[in-house]
Amino acid sequence: MDNDSSRNDGHDATTSGREPADVYRTYPLGQLATAFTTAVTHHDPRVRARAEDRVARWRKVLTGMADGTLTVGSRTQ
């Protein structure tokens, strides 16, 4: 795939330069952000409550990644 050189936002059209570690960090952050947004904005209290649970779980994932107790991408046996 060719780069889209007409883009002016500092990004090319491919993701080949993205390191896997970046994906491991950005995915949980994106999921946390989505859950948080739902938890504070959704009109249905049951949906908000489920989103709050997801926020708590994603926070645990990020905490584990930060303190080294969770190794993302590793296989467990």
C-alpha atoms as a PDB file:
ATOM      1  CA  MET A   1       0.000   0.000   0.000  1.00  0.00           C
ATOM      2  CA  ASP A   2       1.326   3.431  -0.863  1.00  0.00           C
ATOM      3  CA  ASN A   3       1.473   6.212   1.667  1.00  0.00           C
ATOM      4  CA  ASP A   4      -1.140   8.878   1.235  1.00  0.00           C
ATOM      5  CA  SER A   5       1.278  11.775   0.911  1.00  0.00           C
ATOM      6  CA  SER A   6      -1.585  14.257   0.582  1.00  0.00           C
ATOM      7  CA  ARG A   7      -2.385  13.934   4.295  1.00  0.00           C
ATOM      8  CA  ASN A   8      -1.125  16.865   6.316  1.00  0.00           C
ATOM      9  CA  ASP A   9      -1.701  15.527   9.823  1.00  0.00           C
ATOM     10  CA  GLY A  10       1.713  13.892  10.278  1.00  0.00           C
ATOM     11  CA  HIS A  11       0.421  10.386   9.646  1.00  0.00           C
ATOM     12  CA  ASP A  12       0.725   8.194   6.629  1.00  0.00           C
ATOM     13  CA  ALA A  13      -1.986   5.829   5.413  1.00  0.00           C
ATOM     14  CA  THR A  14      -0.242   2.703   6.732  1.00  0.00           C
ATOM     15  CA  THR A  15       0.264   1.425  10.253  1.00  0.00           C
ATOM     16  CA  SER A  16       3.409  -0.522   9.451  1.00  0.00           C
ATOM     17  CA  GLY A  17       5.527   1.853  11.539  1.00  0.00           C
ATOM     18  CA  ARG A  18       3.447   1.334  14.663  1.00  0.00           C
ATOM     19  CA  GLU A  19       5.148  -0.761  17.298  1.00  0.00           C
ATOM     20  CA  PRO A  20       3.118  -3.622  18.799  1.00  0.00           C
ATOM     21  CA  ALA A  21       3.722  -2.195  22.276  1.00  0.00           C
ATOM     22  CA  ASP A  22       1.914   0.976  21.189  1.00  0.00           C
ATOM     23  CA  VAL A  23      -1.119  -1.076  20.217  1.00  0.00           C
ATOM     24  CA  TYR A  24      -1.049  -2.867  23.560  1.00  0.00           C
ATOM     25  CA  ARG A  25      -1.135   0.491  25.335  1.00  0.00           C
ATOM     26  CA  THR A  26      -3.627   2.306  23.145  1.00  0.00           C
ATOM     27  CA  TYR A  27      -6.250  -0.451  22.977  1.00  0.00           C
ATOM     28  CA  PRO A  28      -6.944  -0.594  26.736  1.00  0.00           C
ATOM     29  CA  LEU A  29      -6.850   3.197  26.952  1.00  0.00           C
ATOM     30  CA  GLY A  30      -9.402   3.451  24.164  1.00  0.00           C
ATOM     31  CA  GLN A  31     -11.613   0.849  25.822  1.00  0.00           C
ATOM     32  CA  LEU A  32     -11.359   2.692  29.134  1.00  0.00           C
ATOM     33  CA  ALA A  33     -12.287   5.976  27.473  1.00  0.00           C
ATOM     34  CA  THR A  34     -15.284   4.421  25.736  1.00  0.00           C
ATOM     35  CA  ALA A  35     -16.524   2.778  28.922  1.00  0.00           C
ATOM     36  CA  PHE A  36     -16.030   5.980  30.915  1.00  0.00           C
ATOM     37  CA  THR A  37     -17.927   8.048  28.370  1.00  0.00           C
ATOM     38  CA  THR A  38     -20.819   5.594  28.461  1.00  0.00           C
ATOM     39  CA  ALA A  39     -20.744   5.490  32.267  1.00  0.00           C
ATOM     40  CA  VAL A  40     -21.183   9.245  32.556  1.00  0.00           C
ATOM     41  CA  THR A  41     -23.415  10.027  29.591  1.00  0.00           C
ATOM     42  CA  HIS A  42     -25.799   7.162  28.848  1.00  0.00           C
ATOM     43  CA  HIS A  43     -29.467   7.741  29.636  1.00  0.00           C
ATOM     44  CA  ASP A  44     -30.110   4.181  30.901  1.00  0.00           C
ATOM     45  CA  PRO A  45     -28.892   3.602  34.482  1.00  0.00           C
ATOM     46  CA  ARG A  46     -28.372  -0.127  33.826  1.00  0.00           C
ATOM     47  CA  VAL A  47     -26.096   0.629  30.880  1.00  0.00           C
ATOM     48  CA  ARG A  48     -24.204   3.179  32.996  1.00  0.00           C
ATOM     49  CA  ALA A  49     -23.742   0.587  35.759  1.00  0.00           C
ATOM     50  CA  ARG A  50     -22.357  -2.004  33.322  1.00  0.00           C
ATOM     51  CA  ALA A  51     -20.049   0.624  31.862  1.00  0.00           C
ATOM     52  CA  GLU A  52     -18.808   1.478  35.372  1.00  0.00           C
ATOM     53  CA  ASP A  53     -17.917  -2.198  35.810  1.00  0.00           C
ATOM     54  CA  ARG A  54     -16.002  -2.118  32.521  1.00  0.00           C
ATOM     55  CA  VAL A  55     -14.187   1.037  33.669  1.00  0.00           C
ATOM     56  CA  ALA A  56     -13.077  -0.783  36.814  1.00  0.00           C
ATOM     57  CA  ARG A  57     -11.858  -3.816  34.846  1.00  0.00           C
ATOM     58  CA  TRP A  58      -9.917  -1.711  32.312  1.00  0.00           C
ATOM     59  CA  ARG A  59      -8.352   0.281  35.163  1.00  0.00           C
ATOM     60  CA  LYS A  60      -7.151  -3.018  36.663  1.00  0.00           C
ATOM     61  CA  VAL A  61      -5.643  -3.984  33.304  1.00  0.00           C
ATOM     62  CA  LEU A  62      -3.813  -0.667  33.009  1.00  0.00           C
ATOM     63  CA  THR A  63      -2.636  -0.868  36.628  1.00  0.00           C
ATOM     64  CA  GLY A  64      -1.292  -4.370  36.017  1.00  0.00           C
ATOM     65  CA  MET A  65       0.490  -3.196  32.896  1.00  0.00           C
ATOM     66  CA  ALA A  66       2.017  -0.265  34.769  1.00  0.00           C
ATOM     67  CA  ASP A  67       3.226  -2.211  37.802  1.00  0.00           C
ATOM     68  CA  GLY A  68       4.432  -5.222  35.825  1.00  0.00           C
ATOM     69  CA  THR A  69       2.018  -7.774  37.267  1.00  0.00           C
ATOM     70  CA  LEU A  70       0.416  -8.142  33.838  1.00  0.00           C
ATOM     71  CA  THR A  71       2.509  -8.874  30.771  1.00  0.00           C
ATOM     72  CA  VAL A  72       0.438  -8.093  27.716  1.00  0.00           C
ATOM     73  CA  GLY A  73       0.979 -10.403  24.803  1.00  0.00           C
ATOM     74  CA  SER A  74       2.524 -13.154  26.873  1.00  0.00           C
ATOM     75  CA  ARG A  75       1.124 -16.660  26.755  1.00  0.00           C
ATOM     76  CA  THR A  76       0.040 -18.302  29.972  1.00  0.00           C
ATOM     77  CA  GLN A  77       0.037 -22.038  30.644  1.00  0.00           C
END
